[in-house]
Amino acid sequence: MFFTFFSIAMGFSLHNTIAILEGHFGKKSEFIRTPKFNINSIKDSWKGNIYLKEKVSPHVLIEGLLMLYFAFGMYSAFVVGKEGDFGLFPFHLMLFLGFGYVFFKSLKRSS
């Protein structure tokens, strides 16, 4: 379970970095609440709720690029030298899985 936890935590590193930089440079932002869909009966629907975003954030695209970058890092481990260089392979795998998980969950959420 630790491998899974650590991989997904690595996938959140872009969001955490952006939040730290915004705080450091004093960017004012509004408090964003956890979505409450106010569904009280079977007839109620969550579709069309103001909390649901329709646009894909640029951060999501950067996550996708980072996922591809670490996939290339894993590929490079096999083609470098005669026997390959697998020293960073576990980290590239965890970063690939983490950014991939966050990327695809973000895409699913925005569609």
Protein backbone atom coordinates (compact mmCIF):
# COMPACT_ATOMS: atom_id res chain seq x y z
CA MET A 1 0.00 0.00 0.00
CA PHE A 2 2.91 2.37 0.67
CA PHE A 3 4.04 2.13 -2.97
CA THR A 4 0.57 3.18 -4.13
CA PHE A 5 0.31 5.96 -1.55
CA PHE A 6 3.74 7.36 -2.35
CA SER A 7 3.13 7.23 -6.12
CA ILE A 8 -0.11 9.20 -5.85
CA ALA A 9 1.48 11.65 -3.40
CA MET A 10 4.21 12.26 -5.99
CA GLY A 11 1.46 12.92 -8.55
CA PHE A 12 0.16 15.77 -6.38
CA SER A 13 3.57 17.48 -6.38
CA LEU A 14 2.59 19.88 -9.19
CA HIS A 15 -0.50 21.07 -7.30
CA ASN A 16 1.47 21.41 -4.08
CA THR A 17 4.24 23.38 -5.80
CA ILE A 18 1.77 25.79 -7.37
CA ALA A 19 0.01 26.30 -4.02
CA ILE A 20 3.30 26.98 -2.24
CA LEU A 21 4.43 29.48 -4.88
CA GLU A 22 1.07 31.28 -4.81
CA GLY A 23 1.27 31.54 -1.04
CA HIS A 24 4.88 32.68 -1.09
CA PHE A 25 4.19 35.44 -3.60
CA GLY A 26 1.02 36.52 -1.76
CA LYS A 27 -1.52 35.66 -4.44
CA LYS A 28 -5.00 36.25 -3.08
CA SER A 29 -7.47 33.52 -3.88
CA GLU A 30 -10.95 32.69 -2.81
CA PHE A 31 -11.74 29.87 -0.47
CA ILE A 32 -13.07 26.98 -2.54
CA ARG A 33 -15.54 24.81 -0.70
CA THR A 34 -15.93 21.10 -0.98
CA PRO A 35 -18.71 20.50 -3.50
CA LYS A 36 -22.14 20.01 -1.96
CA PHE A 37 -24.64 18.81 -4.53
CA ASN A 38 -27.77 19.14 -2.36
CA ILE A 39 -29.22 15.82 -3.46
CA ASN A 40 -32.10 14.97 -1.16
CA SER A 41 -34.21 12.65 -3.30
CA ILE A 42 -33.95 10.37 -6.32
CA LYS A 43 -35.34 13.13 -8.54
CA ASP A 44 -32.46 15.52 -7.72
CA SER A 45 -29.49 15.62 -10.09
CA TRP A 46 -25.88 16.72 -9.64
CA LYS A 47 -25.54 17.60 -13.34
CA GLY A 48 -25.36 21.31 -14.05
CA ASN A 49 -24.08 22.10 -10.55
CA ILE A 50 -21.93 25.24 -10.27
CA TYR A 51 -19.08 23.25 -8.69
CA LEU A 52 -18.58 21.14 -11.80
CA LYS A 53 -16.02 22.62 -14.17
CA GLU A 54 -16.31 22.12 -17.89
CA LYS A 55 -12.86 23.39 -18.92
CA VAL A 56 -9.64 21.45 -18.66
CA SER A 57 -7.12 23.37 -16.58
CA PRO A 58 -3.63 24.06 -17.96
CA HIS A 59 -2.33 22.26 -14.88
CA VAL A 60 -3.99 19.08 -16.10
CA LEU A 61 -2.16 19.35 -19.40
CA ILE A 62 1.15 19.82 -17.58
CA GLU A 63 0.38 16.68 -15.54
CA GLY A 64 -0.15 14.79 -18.78
CA LEU A 65 3.18 16.06 -20.13
CA LEU A 66 4.94 15.04 -16.91
CA MET A 67 3.39 11.59 -17.19
CA LEU A 68 4.78 11.28 -20.73
CA TYR A 69 8.15 12.64 -19.60
CA PHE A 70 8.53 9.93 -16.96
CA ALA A 71 7.32 7.28 -19.42
CA PHE A 72 10.19 8.39 -21.66
CA GLY A 73 12.49 8.10 -18.63
CA MET A 74 11.42 4.48 -18.19
CA TYR A 75 11.93 3.80 -21.89
CA SER A 76 15.39 5.40 -21.73
CA ALA A 77 16.45 2.98 -19.01
CA PHE A 78 16.25 0.16 -21.55
CA VAL A 79 18.08 1.88 -24.44
CA VAL A 80 21.00 3.49 -22.58
CA GLY A 81 24.20 1.51 -22.95
CA LYS A 82 24.44 -2.20 -23.66
CA GLU A 83 22.74 -3.41 -20.50
CA GLY A 84 20.58 -0.41 -19.69
CA ASP A 85 20.61 1.87 -16.69
CA PHE A 86 17.86 1.03 -14.20
CA GLY A 87 19.01 3.11 -11.22
CA LEU A 88 16.15 5.62 -11.47
CA PHE A 89 13.60 3.25 -12.98
CA PRO A 90 11.58 2.72 -9.75
CA PHE A 91 11.26 6.48 -9.23
CA HIS A 92 10.28 7.08 -12.85
CA LEU A 93 7.70 4.32 -12.55
CA MET A 94 6.21 5.83 -9.38
CA LEU A 95 6.17 9.33 -10.91
CA PHE A 96 4.61 7.99 -14.11
CA LEU A 97 1.89 6.20 -12.16
CA GLY A 98 1.28 9.16 -9.84
CA PHE A 99 1.04 11.82 -12.54
CA GLY A 100 -0.97 9.43 -14.72
CA TYR A 101 -3.46 8.76 -11.94
CA VAL A 102 -3.94 12.45 -11.14
CA PHE A 103 -4.07 13.34 -14.87
CA PHE A 104 -6.77 10.81 -15.75
CA LYS A 105 -8.81 11.54 -12.62
CA SER A 106 -8.67 15.25 -13.45
CA LEU A 107 -9.79 14.56 -17.03
CA LYS A 108 -12.64 12.38 -15.80
CA ARG A 109 -13.72 15.07 -13.34
CA SER A 110 -13.75 17.83 -15.95
CA SER A 111 -15.81 15.86 -18.49
